[in-house]
Amino acid sequence: MKTGFIGLGIMGSRMAKNLLQNGVDLAITNRTKEKGDELLAEGAAWFDTPAELAQNTTLVFTMLSTPEVVREVAFGENGFVDKMPKNALWVDCSTVNPSFTREMAKKSEKAGIRFMDAPVSGSLIPAENGELVFLVGGEKKDFEQLEEMFLFMGKNAHYMGENANGTSAKMVVNAMLGQALVAFSECITLGKSLGLDRDKLFKILIGGPLTAPFVGLKKENFINNEYPTEFPLKWMHKDLFLASVSAFENNCALPSLNAGKELYGAAKASGLGDKDMSAVYQYIMEKLNYKI
């Protein structure tokens, strides 16, 4: 039986390619078939619907955009869960909120299949290079069964415990990621308003102990005022929204996260949603203050 992969966007297409290149017998499906052309040329098998794919696989990975899309693909018309063989395994790598993951785990158990949440830390280049970090929730034996496969796509896989612990960890990671970009952007804006040279500020902040290391990877974006998409800004807005939902559900106050979420939302509304998440810098500099 083949391994199935559903969702061939920026991340999923590269994850699937790494599985193929490591000898995995792979079946794929996606809303638009064109996104699978390169994988088909390399030996993947195509199925027109998730349901058809599920009937020919015992393991399915999903890498989808939102909880709503995951639910539709899994349980909607032509959904795959009810078509999977009993005791098959579904691994959801999508970034969703923990309460949604628990819902998926319960529905999967009712359908007689195993479920793992395994969101990833990383964007386009780590996905391409097989350097993602997997944050995995589910049964330990299932994690041990798939650890090698995770390492075909990533450089590390952390077993976080029971279902939803993987997505919980991803909420924490992306909450810090999104806010770190906002903090950096606002501080550069403050420096410029005080008459300081931007490039000198970059030298002081980037690579030093005050700035998250990943911000340095976006330096050329800030310098050139160009934001080629590695992780779309609209999905960072979505992730911060899900983190805020999770905080609300668990009686946890996160005032700065909610303020940051609204900044990404405003940036998305201004037309920057499909640019890289680092375009929040452009929004803070240009839309709220002055031209870069």
C-alpha atoms as a PDB file:
ATOM      1  CA  MET A   1       0.000   0.000   0.000  1.00  0.00           C
ATOM      2  CA  LYS A   2       1.112   3.533  -0.741  1.00  0.00           C
ATOM      3  CA  THR A   3       1.608   6.504   1.568  1.00  0.00           C
ATOM      4  CA  GLY A   4      -0.774   9.347   0.779  1.00  0.00           C
ATOM      5  CA  PHE A   5      -0.070  13.085   0.836  1.00  0.00           C
ATOM      6  CA  ILE A   6      -2.857  15.675   0.617  1.00  0.00           C
ATOM      7  CA  GLY A   7      -2.051  19.388   0.230  1.00  0.00           C
ATOM      8  CA  LEU A   8       0.654  20.498  -2.209  1.00  0.00           C
ATOM      9  CA  GLY A   9       1.186  24.147  -1.340  1.00  0.00           C
ATOM     10  CA  ILE A  10       4.466  25.855  -0.496  1.00  0.00           C
ATOM     11  CA  MET A  11       5.204  23.386   2.283  1.00  0.00           C
ATOM     12  CA  GLY A  12       3.391  20.224   1.292  1.00  0.00           C
ATOM     13  CA  SER A  13       4.837  20.001  -2.214  1.00  0.00           C
ATOM     14  CA  ARG A  14       8.374  20.081  -0.839  1.00  0.00           C
ATOM     15  CA  MET A  15       7.636  17.663   1.974  1.00  0.00           C
ATOM     16  CA  ALA A  16       6.114  15.224  -0.513  1.00  0.00           C
ATOM     17  CA  LYS A  17       9.122  15.576  -2.801  1.00  0.00           C
ATOM     18  CA  ASN A  18      11.471  14.650   0.027  1.00  0.00           C
ATOM     19  CA  LEU A  19       9.400  11.559   0.771  1.00  0.00           C
ATOM     20  CA  LEU A  20       9.653  10.535  -2.889  1.00  0.00           C
ATOM     21  CA  GLN A  21      13.383  11.149  -2.991  1.00  0.00           C
ATOM     22  CA  ASN A  22      13.791   8.864   0.013  1.00  0.00           C
ATOM     23  CA  GLY A  23      12.041   5.990  -1.716  1.00  0.00           C
ATOM     24  CA  VAL A  24       8.526   6.324  -0.301  1.00  0.00           C
ATOM     25  CA  ASP A  25       5.814   4.891  -2.578  1.00  0.00           C
ATOM     26  CA  LEU A  26       3.677   8.013  -2.668  1.00  0.00           C
ATOM     27  CA  ALA A  27       0.126   8.832  -3.726  1.00  0.00           C
ATOM     28  CA  ILE A  28      -0.953  12.472  -3.917  1.00  0.00           C
ATOM     29  CA  THR A  29      -4.028  14.610  -4.391  1.00  0.00           C
ATOM     30  CA  ASN A  30      -4.666  18.335  -4.310  1.00  0.00           C
ATOM     31  CA  ARG A  31      -7.411  20.791  -5.178  1.00  0.00           C
ATOM     32  CA  THR A  32      -5.440  21.826  -8.293  1.00  0.00           C
ATOM     33  CA  LYS A  33      -3.694  18.957 -10.072  1.00  0.00           C
ATOM     34  CA  GLU A  34      -1.080  21.241 -11.675  1.00  0.00           C
ATOM     35  CA  LYS A  35       0.674  21.607  -8.330  1.00  0.00           C
ATOM     36  CA  GLY A  36       1.397  17.887  -8.428  1.00  0.00           C
ATOM     37  CA  ASP A  37       2.934  17.799 -11.916  1.00  0.00           C
ATOM     38  CA  GLU A  38       6.552  17.755 -10.720  1.00  0.00           C
ATOM     39  CA  LEU A  39       5.805  15.013  -8.192  1.00  0.00           C
ATOM     40  CA  LEU A  40       3.978  12.945 -10.811  1.00  0.00           C
ATOM     41  CA  ALA A  41       7.004  13.249 -13.088  1.00  0.00           C
ATOM     42  CA  GLU A  42       9.128  11.847 -10.266  1.00  0.00           C
ATOM     43  CA  GLY A  43       6.929   8.805  -9.757  1.00  0.00           C
ATOM     44  CA  ALA A  44       4.054   9.787  -7.486  1.00  0.00           C
ATOM     45  CA  ALA A  45       0.608   8.349  -8.200  1.00  0.00           C
ATOM     46  CA  TRP A  46      -2.363  10.708  -8.616  1.00  0.00           C
ATOM     47  CA  PHE A  47      -5.876  10.206  -7.242  1.00  0.00           C
ATOM     48  CA  ASP A  48      -8.689  12.607  -8.104  1.00  0.00           C
ATOM     49  CA  THR A  49     -10.176  12.816  -4.607  1.00  0.00           C
ATOM     50  CA  PRO A  50      -9.044  12.315  -1.012  1.00  0.00           C
ATOM     51  CA  ALA A  51     -11.544   9.451  -0.744  1.00  0.00           C
ATOM     52  CA  GLU A  52      -9.959   7.602  -3.673  1.00  0.00           C
ATOM     53  CA  LEU A  53      -6.483   8.179  -2.273  1.00  0.00           C
ATOM     54  CA  ALA A  54      -7.531   6.817   1.130  1.00  0.00           C
ATOM     55  CA  GLN A  55      -8.771   3.553  -0.363  1.00  0.00           C
ATOM     56  CA  ASN A  56      -5.253   2.882  -1.634  1.00  0.00           C
ATOM     57  CA  THR A  57      -3.183   3.930   1.397  1.00  0.00           C
ATOM     58  CA  THR A  58      -2.600   2.923   5.007  1.00  0.00           C
ATOM     59  CA  LEU A  59      -0.870   6.193   5.937  1.00  0.00           C
ATOM     60  CA  VAL A  60      -2.029   9.702   4.975  1.00  0.00           C
ATOM     61  CA  PHE A  61      -0.239  12.992   5.600  1.00  0.00           C
ATOM     62  CA  THR A  62      -2.202  16.234   5.336  1.00  0.00           C
ATOM     63  CA  MET A  63      -0.647  19.696   5.022  1.00  0.00           C
ATOM     64  CA  LEU A  64      -3.539  22.125   4.674  1.00  0.00           C
ATOM     65  CA  SER A  65      -4.187  25.800   5.307  1.00  0.00           C
ATOM     66  CA  THR A  66      -6.913  26.109   7.961  1.00  0.00           C
ATOM     67  CA  PRO A  67      -9.005  23.999  10.342  1.00  0.00           C
ATOM     68  CA  GLU A  68     -12.002  24.467   8.052  1.00  0.00           C
ATOM     69  CA  VAL A  69     -10.117  23.042   5.084  1.00  0.00           C
ATOM     70  CA  VAL A  70      -8.806  20.119   7.141  1.00  0.00           C
ATOM     71  CA  ARG A  71     -12.341  19.260   8.303  1.00  0.00           C
ATOM     72  CA  GLU A  72     -13.727  19.426   4.775  1.00  0.00           C
ATOM     73  CA  VAL A  73     -10.956  17.299   3.264  1.00  0.00           C
ATOM     74  CA  ALA A  74     -11.144  14.738   6.056  1.00  0.00           C
ATOM     75  CA  PHE A  75     -14.903  14.468   6.618  1.00  0.00           C
ATOM     76  CA  GLY A  76     -16.708  16.392   3.876  1.00  0.00           C
ATOM     77  CA  GLU A  77     -17.887  15.169   0.510  1.00  0.00           C
ATOM     78  CA  ASN A  78     -15.149  12.883  -0.844  1.00  0.00           C
ATOM     79  CA  GLY A  79     -13.472  13.027   2.582  1.00  0.00           C
ATOM     80  CA  PHE A  80     -10.775  10.464   3.225  1.00  0.00           C
ATOM     81  CA  VAL A  81     -11.179   9.374   6.858  1.00  0.00           C
ATOM     82  CA  ASP A  82     -14.153   7.071   6.406  1.00  0.00           C
ATOM     83  CA  LYS A  83     -12.473   5.452   3.400  1.00  0.00           C
ATOM     84  CA  MET A  84      -9.210   4.539   5.146  1.00  0.00           C
ATOM     85  CA  PRO A  85      -8.647   0.887   6.136  1.00  0.00           C
ATOM     86  CA  LYS A  86      -9.191   0.142   9.816  1.00  0.00           C
ATOM     87  CA  ASN A  87      -6.166   0.938  11.988  1.00  0.00           C
ATOM     88  CA  ALA A  88      -4.655   3.088   9.221  1.00  0.00           C
ATOM     89  CA  LEU A  89      -2.845   6.245  10.328  1.00  0.00           C
ATOM     90  CA  TRP A  90      -3.617   9.891   9.589  1.00  0.00           C
ATOM     91  CA  VAL A  91      -0.862  12.426  10.328  1.00  0.00           C
ATOM     92  CA  ASP A  92      -2.016  16.045  10.196  1.00  0.00           C
ATOM     93  CA  CYS A  93       0.907  18.428   9.677  1.00  0.00           C
ATOM     94  CA  SER A  94      -1.345  21.479   9.304  1.00  0.00           C
ATOM     95  CA  THR A  95      -1.094  24.379  11.746  1.00  0.00           C
ATOM     96  CA  VAL A  96      -4.413  24.262  13.590  1.00  0.00           C
ATOM     97  CA  ASN A  97      -5.536  24.919  17.159  1.00  0.00           C
ATOM     98  CA  PRO A  98      -5.344  22.237  19.870  1.00  0.00           C
ATOM     99  CA  SER A  99      -9.095  21.991  20.507  1.00  0.00           C
ATOM    100  CA  PHE A 100      -9.623  21.327  16.798  1.00  0.00           C
ATOM    101  CA  THR A 101      -6.936  18.647  16.892  1.00  0.00           C
ATOM    102  CA  ARG A 102      -8.687  16.924  19.790  1.00  0.00           C
ATOM    103  CA  GLU A 103     -11.890  16.934  17.742  1.00  0.00           C
ATOM    104  CA  MET A 104     -10.069  15.313  14.804  1.00  0.00           C
ATOM    105  CA  ALA A 105      -8.495  12.714  17.083  1.00  0.00           C
ATOM    106  CA  LYS A 106     -11.885  11.731  18.541  1.00  0.00           C
ATOM    107  CA  LYS A 107     -13.515  11.505  15.119  1.00  0.00           C
ATOM    108  CA  SER A 108     -10.620   9.432  13.821  1.00  0.00           C
ATOM    109  CA  GLU A 109     -10.883   7.036  16.754  1.00  0.00           C
ATOM    110  CA  LYS A 110     -14.612   6.675  16.101  1.00  0.00           C
ATOM    111  CA  ALA A 111     -13.804   5.834  12.463  1.00  0.00           C
ATOM    112  CA  GLY A 112     -11.352   3.160  13.582  1.00  0.00           C
ATOM    113  CA  ILE A 113      -8.131   4.848  12.497  1.00  0.00           C
ATOM    114  CA  ARG A 114      -5.126   6.196  14.374  1.00  0.00           C
ATOM    115  CA  PHE A 115      -4.355   9.914  14.424  1.00  0.00           C
ATOM    116  CA  MET A 116      -1.262  12.035  15.045  1.00  0.00           C
ATOM    117  CA  ASP A 117      -0.795  15.798  14.998  1.00  0.00           C
ATOM    118  CA  ALA A 118       2.615  16.727  13.600  1.00  0.00           C
ATOM    119  CA  PRO A 119       2.849  20.410  12.662  1.00  0.00           C
ATOM    120  CA  VAL A 120       6.231  21.697  11.582  1.00  0.00           C
ATOM    121  CA  SER A 121       8.497  24.570  12.468  1.00  0.00           C
ATOM    122  CA  GLY A 122      10.064  25.993   9.313  1.00  0.00           C
ATOM    123  CA  SER A 123       9.105  27.573   6.013  1.00  0.00           C
ATOM    124  CA  LEU A 124       9.921  27.182   2.307  1.00  0.00           C
ATOM    125  CA  ILE A 125      13.707  26.730   2.412  1.00  0.00           C
ATOM    126  CA  PRO A 126      13.779  24.290   5.364  1.00  0.00           C
ATOM    127  CA  ALA A 127      10.955  22.344   3.701  1.00  0.00           C
ATOM    128  CA  GLU A 128      12.933  22.206   0.463  1.00  0.00           C
ATOM    129  CA  ASN A 129      16.128  21.113   2.199  1.00  0.00           C
ATOM    130  CA  GLY A 130      14.484  18.554   4.482  1.00  0.00           C
ATOM    131  CA  GLU A 131      15.297  20.632   7.563  1.00  0.00           C
ATOM    132  CA  LEU A 132      11.864  21.026   9.159  1.00  0.00           C
ATOM    133  CA  VAL A 133      11.282  20.367  12.848  1.00  0.00           C
ATOM    134  CA  PHE A 134       8.252  18.197  13.622  1.00  0.00           C
ATOM    135  CA  LEU A 135       6.242  18.692  16.820  1.00  0.00           C
ATOM    136  CA  VAL A 136       4.313  15.472  17.301  1.00  0.00           C
ATOM    137  CA  GLY A 137       1.338  14.494  19.460  1.00  0.00           C
ATOM    138  CA  GLY A 138      -0.208  11.033  19.630  1.00  0.00           C
ATOM    139  CA  GLU A 139       0.655   7.512  20.687  1.00  0.00           C
ATOM    140  CA  LYS A 140       4.362   6.951  21.360  1.00  0.00           C
ATOM    141  CA  LYS A 141       4.390   3.712  19.347  1.00  0.00           C
ATOM    142  CA  ASP A 142       2.980   5.549  16.320  1.00  0.00           C
ATOM    143  CA  PHE A 143       5.662   8.207  16.645  1.00  0.00           C
ATOM    144  CA  GLU A 144       8.363   5.552  16.798  1.00  0.00           C
ATOM    145  CA  GLN A 145       6.910   3.864  13.719  1.00  0.00           C
ATOM    146  CA  LEU A 146       7.067   7.100  11.708  1.00  0.00           C
ATOM    147  CA  GLU A 147      10.161   8.809  13.129  1.00  0.00           C
ATOM    148  CA  GLU A 148      12.321   7.776  10.172  1.00  0.00           C
ATOM    149  CA  MET A 149       9.743   9.180   7.760  1.00  0.00           C
ATOM    150  CA  PHE A 150       9.621  12.481   9.662  1.00  0.00           C
ATOM    151  CA  LEU A 151      13.382  12.654   9.266  1.00  0.00           C
ATOM    152  CA  PHE A 152      13.070  12.236   5.502  1.00  0.00           C
ATOM    153  CA  MET A 153      11.329  15.619   5.607  1.00  0.00           C
ATOM    154  CA  GLY A 154      13.005  17.253   8.603  1.00  0.00           C
ATOM    155  CA  LYS A 155      16.116  17.474  10.725  1.00  0.00           C
ATOM    156  CA  ASN A 156      14.358  16.702  13.994  1.00  0.00           C
ATOM    157  CA  ALA A 157      11.117  15.290  15.344  1.00  0.00           C
ATOM    158  CA  HIS A 158      10.066  15.998  18.918  1.00  0.00           C
ATOM    159  CA  TYR A 159       7.553  13.700  20.580  1.00  0.00           C
ATOM    160  CA  MET A 160       5.453  16.052  22.700  1.00  0.00           C
ATOM    161  CA  GLY A 161       3.045  13.518  24.253  1.00  0.00           C
ATOM    162  CA  GLU A 162      -0.660  12.936  23.727  1.00  0.00           C
ATOM    163  CA  ASN A 163      -2.800  14.208  20.845  1.00  0.00           C
ATOM    164  CA  ALA A 164      -2.922  18.015  20.574  1.00  0.00           C
ATOM    165  CA  ASN A 165       0.435  18.479  22.319  1.00  0.00           C
ATOM    166  CA  GLY A 166       2.042  18.883  18.896  1.00  0.00           C
ATOM    167  CA  THR A 167      -0.369  21.605  17.844  1.00  0.00           C
ATOM    168  CA  SER A 168      -0.068  23.191  21.294  1.00  0.00           C
ATOM    169  CA  ALA A 169       3.687  23.453  20.814  1.00  0.00           C
ATOM    170  CA  LYS A 170       3.156  24.946  17.361  1.00  0.00           C
ATOM    171  CA  MET A 171       0.894  27.629  18.851  1.00  0.00           C
ATOM    172  CA  VAL A 172       3.734  28.592  21.194  1.00  0.00           C
ATOM    173  CA  VAL A 173       6.356  28.610  18.420  1.00  0.00           C
ATOM    174  CA  ASN A 174       4.353  30.756  16.012  1.00  0.00           C
ATOM    175  CA  ALA A 175       3.197  33.129  18.749  1.00  0.00           C
ATOM    176  CA  MET A 176       6.851  33.896  19.446  1.00  0.00           C
ATOM    177  CA  LEU A 177       7.744  34.007  15.750  1.00  0.00           C
ATOM    178  CA  GLY A 178       5.050  36.515  14.843  1.00  0.00           C
ATOM    179  CA  GLN A 179       5.677  38.797  17.789  1.00  0.00           C
ATOM    180  CA  ALA A 180       9.451  38.788  17.251  1.00  0.00           C
ATOM    181  CA  LEU A 181       9.000  40.263  13.766  1.00  0.00           C
ATOM    182  CA  VAL A 182       6.642  42.932  15.099  1.00  0.00           C
ATOM    183  CA  ALA A 183       9.031  43.884  17.904  1.00  0.00           C
ATOM    184  CA  PHE A 184      11.953  44.196  15.499  1.00  0.00           C
ATOM    185  CA  SER A 185       9.928  46.243  12.999  1.00  0.00           C
ATOM    186  CA  GLU A 186       8.663  48.639  15.637  1.00  0.00           C
ATOM    187  CA  CYS A 187      12.123  49.154  17.125  1.00  0.00           C
ATOM    188  CA  ILE A 188      13.649  49.952  13.723  1.00  0.00           C
ATOM    189  CA  THR A 189      10.792  52.404  13.188  1.00  0.00           C
ATOM    190  CA  LEU A 190      11.494  54.012  16.548  1.00  0.00           C
ATOM    191  CA  GLY A 191      15.188  54.332  15.702  1.00  0.00           C
ATOM    192  CA  LYS A 192      14.452  55.998  12.377  1.00  0.00           C
ATOM    193  CA  SER A 193      12.029  58.401  14.034  1.00  0.00           C
ATOM    194  CA  LEU A 194      14.870  59.406  16.354  1.00  0.00           C
ATOM    195  CA  GLY A 195      17.124  60.145  13.389  1.00  0.00           C
ATOM    196  CA  LEU A 196      19.261  56.972  13.531  1.00  0.00           C
ATOM    197  CA  ASP A 197      20.624  55.323  10.401  1.00  0.00           C
ATOM    198  CA  ARG A 198      18.707  52.160   9.532  1.00  0.00           C
ATOM    199  CA  ASP A 199      21.739  50.177   8.375  1.00  0.00           C
ATOM    200  CA  LYS A 200      23.576  50.948  11.591  1.00  0.00           C
ATOM    201  CA  LEU A 201      20.551  49.783  13.541  1.00  0.00           C
ATOM    202  CA  PHE A 202      20.602  46.538  11.553  1.00  0.00           C
ATOM    203  CA  LYS A 203      24.250  46.017  12.514  1.00  0.00           C
ATOM    204  CA  ILE A 204      23.467  46.605  16.174  1.00  0.00           C
ATOM    205  CA  LEU A 205      20.371  44.433  16.338  1.00  0.00           C
ATOM    206  CA  ILE A 206      20.691  41.630  13.780  1.00  0.00           C
ATOM    207  CA  GLY A 207      22.945  38.863  14.999  1.00  0.00           C
ATOM    208  CA  GLY A 208      23.076  40.250  18.511  1.00  0.00           C
ATOM    209  CA  PRO A 209      21.533  38.860  21.693  1.00  0.00           C
ATOM    210  CA  LEU A 210      18.448  41.105  21.518  1.00  0.00           C
ATOM    211  CA  THR A 211      17.023  39.868  18.215  1.00  0.00           C
ATOM    212  CA  ALA A 212      15.616  36.439  17.346  1.00  0.00           C
ATOM    213  CA  PRO A 213      18.138  34.687  15.040  1.00  0.00           C
ATOM    214  CA  PHE A 214      15.541  34.012  12.317  1.00  0.00           C
ATOM    215  CA  VAL A 215      15.060  37.788  11.860  1.00  0.00           C
ATOM    216  CA  GLY A 216      18.533  37.871  10.339  1.00  0.00           C
ATOM    217  CA  LEU A 217      17.346  35.516   7.597  1.00  0.00           C
ATOM    218  CA  LYS A 218      14.915  38.247   6.515  1.00  0.00           C
ATOM    219  CA  LYS A 219      17.505  41.024   6.397  1.00  0.00           C
ATOM    220  CA  GLU A 220      17.625  41.239   2.589  1.00  0.00           C
ATOM    221  CA  ASN A 221      13.838  41.567   2.531  1.00  0.00           C
ATOM    222  CA  PHE A 222      14.047  44.615   4.793  1.00  0.00           C
ATOM    223  CA  ILE A 223      16.959  46.152   2.875  1.00  0.00           C
ATOM    224  CA  ASN A 224      15.405  45.678  -0.572  1.00  0.00           C
ATOM    225  CA  ASN A 225      11.823  46.257   0.562  1.00  0.00           C
ATOM    226  CA  GLU A 226      10.886  43.052  -1.267  1.00  0.00           C
ATOM    227  CA  TYR A 227       9.191  40.115   0.449  1.00  0.00           C
ATOM    228  CA  PRO A 228       9.349  36.908  -1.626  1.00  0.00           C
ATOM    229  CA  THR A 229       6.980  34.430  -0.041  1.00  0.00           C
ATOM    230  CA  GLU A 230       8.431  31.718   2.161  1.00  0.00           C
ATOM    231  CA  PHE A 231       5.614  31.833   4.710  1.00  0.00           C
ATOM    232  CA  PRO A 232       2.627  33.974   3.681  1.00  0.00           C
ATOM    233  CA  LEU A 233       1.692  36.822   5.982  1.00  0.00           C
ATOM    234  CA  LYS A 234      -1.979  35.800   5.843  1.00  0.00           C
ATOM    235  CA  TRP A 235      -1.119  32.447   7.432  1.00  0.00           C
ATOM    236  CA  MET A 236       0.787  34.124  10.251  1.00  0.00           C
ATOM    237  CA  HIS A 237      -2.344  36.189  10.889  1.00  0.00           C
ATOM    238  CA  LYS A 238      -4.348  32.951  10.929  1.00  0.00           C
ATOM    239  CA  ASP A 239      -1.889  31.287  13.314  1.00  0.00           C
ATOM    240  CA  LEU A 240      -1.954  34.187  15.756  1.00  0.00           C
ATOM    241  CA  PHE A 241      -5.740  34.131  15.633  1.00  0.00           C
ATOM    242  CA  LEU A 242      -5.707  30.413  16.494  1.00  0.00           C
ATOM    243  CA  ALA A 243      -3.248  31.087  19.315  1.00  0.00           C
ATOM    244  CA  SER A 244      -5.594  33.754  20.664  1.00  0.00           C
ATOM    245  CA  VAL A 245      -8.520  31.313  20.454  1.00  0.00           C
ATOM    246  CA  SER A 246      -6.467  28.739  22.345  1.00  0.00           C
ATOM    247  CA  ALA A 247      -5.570  31.306  24.985  1.00  0.00           C
ATOM    248  CA  PHE A 248      -9.238  32.242  25.399  1.00  0.00           C
ATOM    249  CA  GLU A 249     -10.234  28.589  25.726  1.00  0.00           C
ATOM    250  CA  ASN A 250      -7.658  28.103  28.475  1.00  0.00           C
ATOM    251  CA  ASN A 251      -8.251  31.345  30.412  1.00  0.00           C
ATOM    252  CA  CYS A 252      -4.848  32.714  29.421  1.00  0.00           C
ATOM    253  CA  ALA A 253      -4.351  36.457  28.871  1.00  0.00           C
ATOM    254  CA  LEU A 254      -2.022  37.372  25.974  1.00  0.00           C
ATOM    255  CA  PRO A 255      -2.415  41.116  25.367  1.00  0.00           C
ATOM    256  CA  SER A 256       0.695  41.623  23.210  1.00  0.00           C
ATOM    257  CA  LEU A 257      -0.141  38.601  21.048  1.00  0.00           C
ATOM    258  CA  ASN A 258      -3.594  40.006  20.346  1.00  0.00           C
ATOM    259  CA  ALA A 259      -2.131  43.386  19.437  1.00  0.00           C
ATOM    260  CA  GLY A 260       0.322  41.673  17.093  1.00  0.00           C
ATOM    261  CA  LYS A 261      -2.486  39.637  15.548  1.00  0.00           C
ATOM    262  CA  GLU A 262      -4.320  42.843  14.667  1.00  0.00           C
ATOM    263  CA  LEU A 263      -1.190  44.287  13.051  1.00  0.00           C
ATOM    264  CA  TYR A 264      -0.915  41.238  10.782  1.00  0.00           C
ATOM    265  CA  GLY A 265      -4.638  41.509  10.090  1.00  0.00           C
ATOM    266  CA  ALA A 266      -4.280  45.150   9.095  1.00  0.00           C
ATOM    267  CA  ALA A 267      -1.278  44.306   6.920  1.00  0.00           C
ATOM    268  CA  LYS A 268      -3.296  41.571   5.217  1.00  0.00           C
ATOM    269  CA  ALA A 269      -6.204  43.974   4.667  1.00  0.00           C
ATOM    270  CA  SER A 270      -3.803  46.461   3.078  1.00  0.00           C
ATOM    271  CA  GLY A 271      -2.891  43.936   0.378  1.00  0.00           C
ATOM    272  CA  LEU A 272       0.190  42.265   1.864  1.00  0.00           C
ATOM    273  CA  GLY A 273      -1.407  38.926   2.724  1.00  0.00           C
ATOM    274  CA  ASP A 274       0.285  36.880   0.001  1.00  0.00           C
ATOM    275  CA  LYS A 275       3.713  38.363   0.638  1.00  0.00           C
ATOM    276  CA  ASP A 276       6.119  36.844   3.137  1.00  0.00           C
ATOM    277  CA  MET A 277       5.238  37.322   6.793  1.00  0.00           C
ATOM    278  CA  SER A 278       8.228  39.666   7.090  1.00  0.00           C
ATOM    279  CA  ALA A 279       6.162  42.188   5.082  1.00  0.00           C
ATOM    280  CA  VAL A 280       4.707  43.227   8.441  1.00  0.00           C
ATOM    281  CA  TYR A 281       7.871  45.352   8.540  1.00  0.00           C
ATOM    282  CA  GLN A 282       6.751  47.126   5.361  1.00  0.00           C
ATOM    283  CA  TYR A 283       3.300  47.702   6.826  1.00  0.00           C
ATOM    284  CA  ILE A 284       4.618  49.155  10.088  1.00  0.00           C
ATOM    285  CA  MET A 285       7.165  51.338   8.320  1.00  0.00           C
ATOM    286  CA  GLU A 286       5.155  52.554   5.335  1.00  0.00           C
ATOM    287  CA  LYS A 287       1.508  52.387   6.266  1.00  0.00           C
ATOM    288  CA  LEU A 288       1.783  53.481   9.872  1.00  0.00           C
ATOM    289  CA  ASN A 289       4.742  55.831   9.645  1.00  0.00           C
ATOM    290  CA  TYR A 290       6.546  56.871   6.466  1.00  0.00           C
ATOM    291  CA  LYS A 291       8.009  55.569   3.234  1.00  0.00           C
ATOM    292  CA  ILE A 292      11.035  53.320   3.615  1.00  0.00           C
END
